[in-house]
Each structure stands twice: as structure tokens, then as C-alpha cells.
C-alpha atoms as a PDB file:
ATOM      1  CA  UNK A   1      10.810   7.109  18.745  1.00  0.00           C
ATOM      2  CA  UNK A   2      11.561  10.605  20.004  1.00  0.00           C
ATOM      3  CA  UNK A   3       7.905  11.612  19.589  1.00  0.00           C
ATOM      4  CA  UNK A   4       6.724   8.799  21.856  1.00  0.00           C
ATOM      5  CA  UNK A   5       5.230   6.647  19.133  1.00  0.00           C
ATOM      6  CA  UNK A   6       6.060   3.016  18.556  1.00  0.00           C
ATOM      7  CA  UNK A   7       6.480   1.805  14.964  1.00  0.00           C
ATOM      8  CA  UNK A   8       6.967  -1.468  13.238  1.00  0.00           C
ATOM      9  CA  UNK A   9       9.205  -1.091  10.209  1.00  0.00           C
ATOM     10  CA  UNK A  10       9.070  -3.492   7.291  1.00  0.00           C
ATOM     11  CA  UNK A  11      10.545  -3.569   3.856  1.00  0.00           C
ATOM     12  CA  UNK A  12       9.149  -4.811   0.527  1.00  0.00           C
ATOM     13  CA  UNK A  13      10.644  -8.294   0.905  1.00  0.00           C
ATOM     14  CA  UNK A  14       8.997  -8.845   4.327  1.00  0.00           C
ATOM     15  CA  UNK A  15       5.599  -7.902   2.790  1.00  0.00           C
ATOM     16  CA  UNK A  16       6.127 -10.157  -0.241  1.00  0.00           C
ATOM     17  CA  UNK A  17       7.139 -13.066   1.983  1.00  0.00           C
ATOM     18  CA  UNK A  18       4.025 -12.600   4.180  1.00  0.00           C
ATOM     19  CA  UNK A  19       1.860 -12.413   1.034  1.00  0.00           C
ATOM     20  CA  UNK A  20       3.059 -15.838  -0.129  1.00  0.00           C
ATOM     21  CA  UNK A  21       1.704 -17.563   2.997  1.00  0.00           C
ATOM     22  CA  UNK A  22      -2.046 -17.528   2.319  1.00  0.00           C
ATOM     23  CA  UNK A  23      -2.934 -14.545   0.211  1.00  0.00           C
ATOM     24  CA  UNK A  24      -2.304 -12.789  -3.065  1.00  0.00           C
ATOM     25  CA  UNK A  25      -1.647  -9.143  -3.926  1.00  0.00           C
ATOM     26  CA  UNK A  26      -4.680  -7.333  -5.245  1.00  0.00           C
ATOM     27  CA  UNK A  27      -2.504  -4.546  -6.629  1.00  0.00           C
ATOM     28  CA  UNK A  28       1.161  -3.598  -6.471  1.00  0.00           C
ATOM     29  CA  UNK A  29       2.669  -2.470  -3.162  1.00  0.00           C
ATOM     30  CA  UNK A  30       2.811   1.293  -3.055  1.00  0.00           C
ATOM     31  CA  UNK A  31       4.825   3.596  -0.806  1.00  0.00           C
ATOM     32  CA  UNK A  32       4.362   7.344  -0.355  1.00  0.00           C
ATOM     33  CA  UNK A  33       6.901   9.701   1.247  1.00  0.00           C
ATOM     34  CA  UNK A  34       5.032  12.129   3.561  1.00  0.00           C
ATOM     35  CA  UNK A  35       6.922  15.450   3.693  1.00  0.00           C
ATOM     36  CA  UNK A  36      10.220  13.638   4.349  1.00  0.00           C
ATOM     37  CA  UNK A  37       8.900  12.741   7.825  1.00  0.00           C
ATOM     38  CA  UNK A  38       7.729   9.210   7.243  1.00  0.00           C
ATOM     39  CA  UNK A  39       6.644   6.791   4.539  1.00  0.00           C
ATOM     40  CA  UNK A  40       3.253   5.150   4.309  1.00  0.00           C
ATOM     41  CA  UNK A  41       2.689   1.890   2.425  1.00  0.00           C
ATOM     42  CA  UNK A  42      -0.477   0.497   0.911  1.00  0.00           C
ATOM     43  CA  UNK A  43      -0.561  -3.294   0.872  1.00  0.00           C
ATOM     44  CA  UNK A  44      -3.827  -4.664  -0.512  1.00  0.00           C
ATOM     45  CA  UNK A  45      -4.398  -8.445  -0.345  1.00  0.00           C
ATOM     46  CA  UNK A  46      -6.977 -10.955  -1.511  1.00  0.00           C
ATOM     47  CA  UNK A  47      -7.488 -14.031   0.625  1.00  0.00           C
ATOM     48  CA  UNK A  48      -7.508 -17.413  -1.065  1.00  0.00           C
END
């Protein structure tokens, strides 16, 4: 990235696929837009 940071970008489907492996969602996946600079996602899981 131009600011020197390294980021890993995922979409909702990647998170849902990862959730199916050995966990369950505790609440819906939520994404917040931060001043049109970036988006932050909350992904809360419960282990089986």
C-alpha cells in the first residue's frame, strides 16, 4: 500500500467459507466504512 502498510483483503464469501470449517457465527458479519478510507469488519465466531 502507498502508506507502507500490508493488508489482507477478504470478502463475505471467504469469511463464510472459513466459518463452515469448524466454527459458527455468533452474530452477523458487520462491516463499517471508516471515512471512505477503509472498511473494518467484525467477524465473531463460536468454536464447536
